[in-house]
Every structure is written in structure tokens, then in C-alpha cells.
C-alpha atoms as a PDB file:
ATOM      1  CA  MET A   1      91.283 124.909 139.988  1.00  0.00           C
ATOM      2  CA  ALA A   2      92.927 121.815 138.535  1.00  0.00           C
ATOM      3  CA  THR A   3      95.788 120.286 140.556  1.00  0.00           C
ATOM      4  CA  THR A   4      98.473 118.753 139.213  1.00  0.00           C
ATOM      5  CA  LEU A   5     101.977 117.413 140.769  1.00  0.00           C
ATOM      6  CA  SER A   6     105.246 118.949 140.197  1.00  0.00           C
ATOM      7  CA  SER A   7     108.825 116.782 140.220  1.00  0.00           C
ATOM      8  CA  ASN A   8     108.577 117.001 143.840  1.00  0.00           C
ATOM      9  CA  LYS A   9     105.225 115.141 143.976  1.00  0.00           C
ATOM     10  CA  GLN A  10     103.784 118.148 146.114  1.00  0.00           C
ATOM     11  CA  PRO A  11     100.453 119.373 144.540  1.00  0.00           C
ATOM     12  CA  THR A  12     100.159 122.554 142.839  1.00  0.00           C
ATOM     13  CA  ASN A  13      97.446 125.012 142.299  1.00  0.00           C
ATOM     14  CA  HIS A  14      96.265 126.242 138.976  1.00  0.00           C
ATOM     15  CA  ILE A  15      93.322 128.805 138.632  1.00  0.00           C
ATOM     16  CA  ASP A  16      91.530 128.763 134.763  1.00  0.00           C
ATOM     17  CA  LEU A  17      91.470 132.910 134.968  1.00  0.00           C
ATOM     18  CA  HIS A  18      89.305 132.605 131.541  1.00  0.00           C
ATOM     19  CA  LEU A  19      86.500 130.015 132.875  1.00  0.00           C
ATOM     20  CA  LEU A  20      87.221 131.902 136.206  1.00  0.00           C
ATOM     21  CA  ASP A  21      85.471 134.958 134.179  1.00  0.00           C
ATOM     22  CA  GLN A  22      83.450 133.061 132.017  1.00  0.00           C
ATOM     23  CA  ALA A  23      81.400 132.240 135.676  1.00  0.00           C
ATOM     24  CA  ASN A  24      82.019 135.408 137.039  1.00  0.00           C
ATOM     25  CA  GLN A  25      79.812 136.480 133.786  1.00  0.00           C
ATOM     26  CA  THR A  26      77.017 134.159 133.965  1.00  0.00           C
ATOM     27  CA  ILE A  27      76.755 134.745 137.727  1.00  0.00           C
ATOM     28  CA  ARG A  28      76.002 138.953 137.396  1.00  0.00           C
ATOM     29  CA  ALA A  29      74.129 138.002 134.025  1.00  0.00           C
ATOM     30  CA  LEU A  30      71.753 135.734 136.735  1.00  0.00           C
ATOM     31  CA  ALA A  31      71.906 138.144 139.784  1.00  0.00           C
ATOM     32  CA  HIS A  32      70.071 140.884 138.607  1.00  0.00           C
ATOM     33  CA  ALA A  33      66.049 140.696 139.059  1.00  0.00           C
ATOM     34  CA  LEU A  34      65.409 142.824 135.344  1.00  0.00           C
ATOM     35  CA  ARG A  35      66.797 139.749 133.411  1.00  0.00           C
ATOM     36  CA  LEU A  36      65.622 137.113 135.476  1.00  0.00           C
ATOM     37  CA  ASP A  37      62.619 138.884 134.263  1.00  0.00           C
ATOM     38  CA  ILE A  38      63.206 138.978 130.734  1.00  0.00           C
ATOM     39  CA  LEU A  39      64.647 135.352 131.389  1.00  0.00           C
ATOM     40  CA  SER A  40      60.978 134.092 132.105  1.00  0.00           C
ATOM     41  CA  TYR A  41      59.357 136.212 129.479  1.00  0.00           C
ATOM     42  CA  ILE A  42      61.429 134.729 127.107  1.00  0.00           C
ATOM     43  CA  ASP A  43      60.644 130.928 128.474  1.00  0.00           C
ATOM     44  CA  LYS A  44      57.059 131.434 128.113  1.00  0.00           C
ATOM     45  CA  HIS A  45      57.425 133.351 124.336  1.00  0.00           C
ATOM     46  CA  PRO A  46      60.370 131.307 122.497  1.00  0.00           C
ATOM     47  CA  GLY A  47      61.345 133.363 119.386  1.00  0.00           C
ATOM     48  CA  THR A  48      60.206 136.421 120.959  1.00  0.00           C
ATOM     49  CA  ASN A  49      61.739 139.972 119.606  1.00  0.00           C
ATOM     50  CA  VAL A  50      62.933 142.588 121.501  1.00  0.00           C
ATOM     51  CA  ASN A  51      60.089 144.959 121.108  1.00  0.00           C
ATOM     52  CA  SER A  52      57.512 141.967 122.857  1.00  0.00           C
ATOM     53  CA  ILE A  53      59.609 142.220 125.639  1.00  0.00           C
ATOM     54  CA  TYR A  54      59.767 145.332 126.719  1.00  0.00           C
ATOM     55  CA  ASN A  55      56.266 146.197 125.752  1.00  0.00           C
ATOM     56  CA  ALA A  56      55.323 143.084 127.868  1.00  0.00           C
ATOM     57  CA  LEU A  57      57.572 144.134 130.653  1.00  0.00           C
ATOM     58  CA  GLU A  58      56.815 147.687 129.809  1.00  0.00           C
ATOM     59  CA  LEU A  59      60.153 148.776 130.015  1.00  0.00           C
ATOM     60  CA  GLU A  60      62.207 151.527 127.182  1.00  0.00           C
ATOM     61  CA  GLN A  61      63.955 149.251 124.004  1.00  0.00           C
ATOM     62  CA  SER A  62      67.456 150.695 125.197  1.00  0.00           C
ATOM     63  CA  ILE A  63      67.183 149.489 128.658  1.00  0.00           C
ATOM     64  CA  THR A  64      65.874 145.649 126.958  1.00  0.00           C
ATOM     65  CA  SER A  65      68.335 145.299 123.973  1.00  0.00           C
ATOM     66  CA  GLN A  66      71.496 146.582 127.198  1.00  0.00           C
ATOM     67  CA  HIS A  67      70.315 143.255 129.283  1.00  0.00           C
ATOM     68  CA  LEU A  68      69.875 140.836 126.248  1.00  0.00           C
ATOM     69  CA  ARG A  69      73.140 141.915 125.382  1.00  0.00           C
ATOM     70  CA  ILE A  70      74.212 141.323 128.576  1.00  0.00           C
ATOM     71  CA  LEU A  71      72.667 137.505 128.947  1.00  0.00           C
ATOM     72  CA  ARG A  72      73.607 136.780 125.471  1.00  0.00           C
ATOM     73  CA  GLN A  73      77.317 137.166 126.167  1.00  0.00           C
ATOM     74  CA  ALA A  74      76.588 135.182 128.941  1.00  0.00           C
ATOM     75  CA  GLU A  75      75.359 132.896 126.435  1.00  0.00           C
ATOM     76  CA  LEU A  76      71.795 132.085 128.173  1.00  0.00           C
ATOM     77  CA  VAL A  77      70.122 132.768 125.890  1.00  0.00           C
ATOM     78  CA  ILE A  78      70.010 132.018 122.021  1.00  0.00           C
ATOM     79  CA  TYR A  79      69.077 135.043 118.911  1.00  0.00           C
ATOM     80  CA  GLU A  80      68.568 134.253 115.504  1.00  0.00           C
ATOM     81  CA  ARG A  81      68.187 137.046 113.264  1.00  0.00           C
ATOM     82  CA  GLN A  82      64.937 136.967 111.176  1.00  0.00           C
ATOM     83  CA  GLY A  83      65.548 140.067 108.284  1.00  0.00           C
ATOM     84  CA  LYS A  84      65.449 143.129 110.795  1.00  0.00           C
ATOM     85  CA  GLN A  85      64.588 141.204 113.832  1.00  0.00           C
ATOM     86  CA  ILE A  86      65.887 139.669 116.311  1.00  0.00           C
ATOM     87  CA  LEU A  87      64.668 136.456 117.917  1.00  0.00           C
ATOM     88  CA  TYR A  88      65.205 134.715 121.214  1.00  0.00           C
ATOM     89  CA  THR A  89      65.149 131.171 123.039  1.00  0.00           C
ATOM     90  CA  LEU A  90      66.130 130.202 126.321  1.00  0.00           C
ATOM     91  CA  ASN A  91      69.207 128.036 125.437  1.00  0.00           C
ATOM     92  CA  TYR A  92      67.663 125.399 127.562  1.00  0.00           C
ATOM     93  CA  SER A  93      71.472 123.131 127.926  1.00  0.00           C
ATOM     94  CA  ARG A  94      73.347 126.088 129.351  1.00  0.00           C
ATOM     95  CA  LEU A  95      70.777 127.045 132.074  1.00  0.00           C
ATOM     96  CA  HIS A  96      70.625 123.218 132.984  1.00  0.00           C
ATOM     97  CA  SER A  97      74.846 122.762 133.089  1.00  0.00           C
ATOM     98  CA  LEU A  98      74.338 126.072 135.699  1.00  0.00           C
ATOM     99  CA  GLN A  99      71.349 124.329 137.482  1.00  0.00           C
ATOM    100  CA  SER A 100      73.744 120.965 137.894  1.00  0.00           C
ATOM    101  CA  ALA A 101      76.712 122.756 138.895  1.00  0.00           C
ATOM    102  CA  ILE A 102      74.859 125.315 141.533  1.00  0.00           C
ATOM    103  CA  LYS A 103      73.175 121.458 142.843  1.00  0.00           C
ATOM    104  CA  ASP A 104      76.466 120.447 143.293  1.00  0.00           C
ATOM    105  CA  PHE A 105      78.110 122.772 144.954  1.00  0.00           C
ATOM    106  CA  LEU A 106      75.592 122.812 147.321  1.00  0.00           C
ATOM    107  CA  LYS A 107      75.588 119.256 148.220  1.00  0.00           C
END
């Protein structure tokens, strides 16, 4: 939230709705136990594909793909297409930024 001064020197508050929506998507992506399991698996197996994830976690392929889509939209994973496969790694930069923001918020 940004605070600005109007011409009469009274502070006015503005909410960045786009930023708020991005934060909401990220929090919702992290607020699911299965997605946390997927993130943990990708952390231990960087450059993995959807088949490895759903086999290791004993999930259906369609469910795994849906959760990966949510994680991609929240920019928590990075994906790279290699031929017919899509390989996933964690977006450590984004995750570290989130950890810092949460730590600052909790102080």
C-alpha cells in the first residue's frame, strides 16, 4: 500500500490491486498440502518432469498437472520445455523473497 500526500497535505492511501492479486495467488498456491509436497519433491529433484512427480507422490497425472499449473501461475516453479517434456525447478529467487517478506511481516 502506498501513501501519498494530496494538495492539502492529508495522507491518502492507495491499494495496488494487481500486487494484492499476485500476493493472493501466491498465498493460495502455498496453502495446499499437496502443492507443498510437490515443491518439496522438486526441491530434492530439480529438473524433474510431471511423470516423475506423480509416480513418486502416487498421484494422478491430471491432478499433478493442475497443481503444477497453479505453482507456475504463482511463479513458484520455473519450467523448461525439452522436446515433449516439461522440466520443473523451483524458483528459488521468488521463494527467498517470500520468506524474507514473511519474516519482515512477523517482526
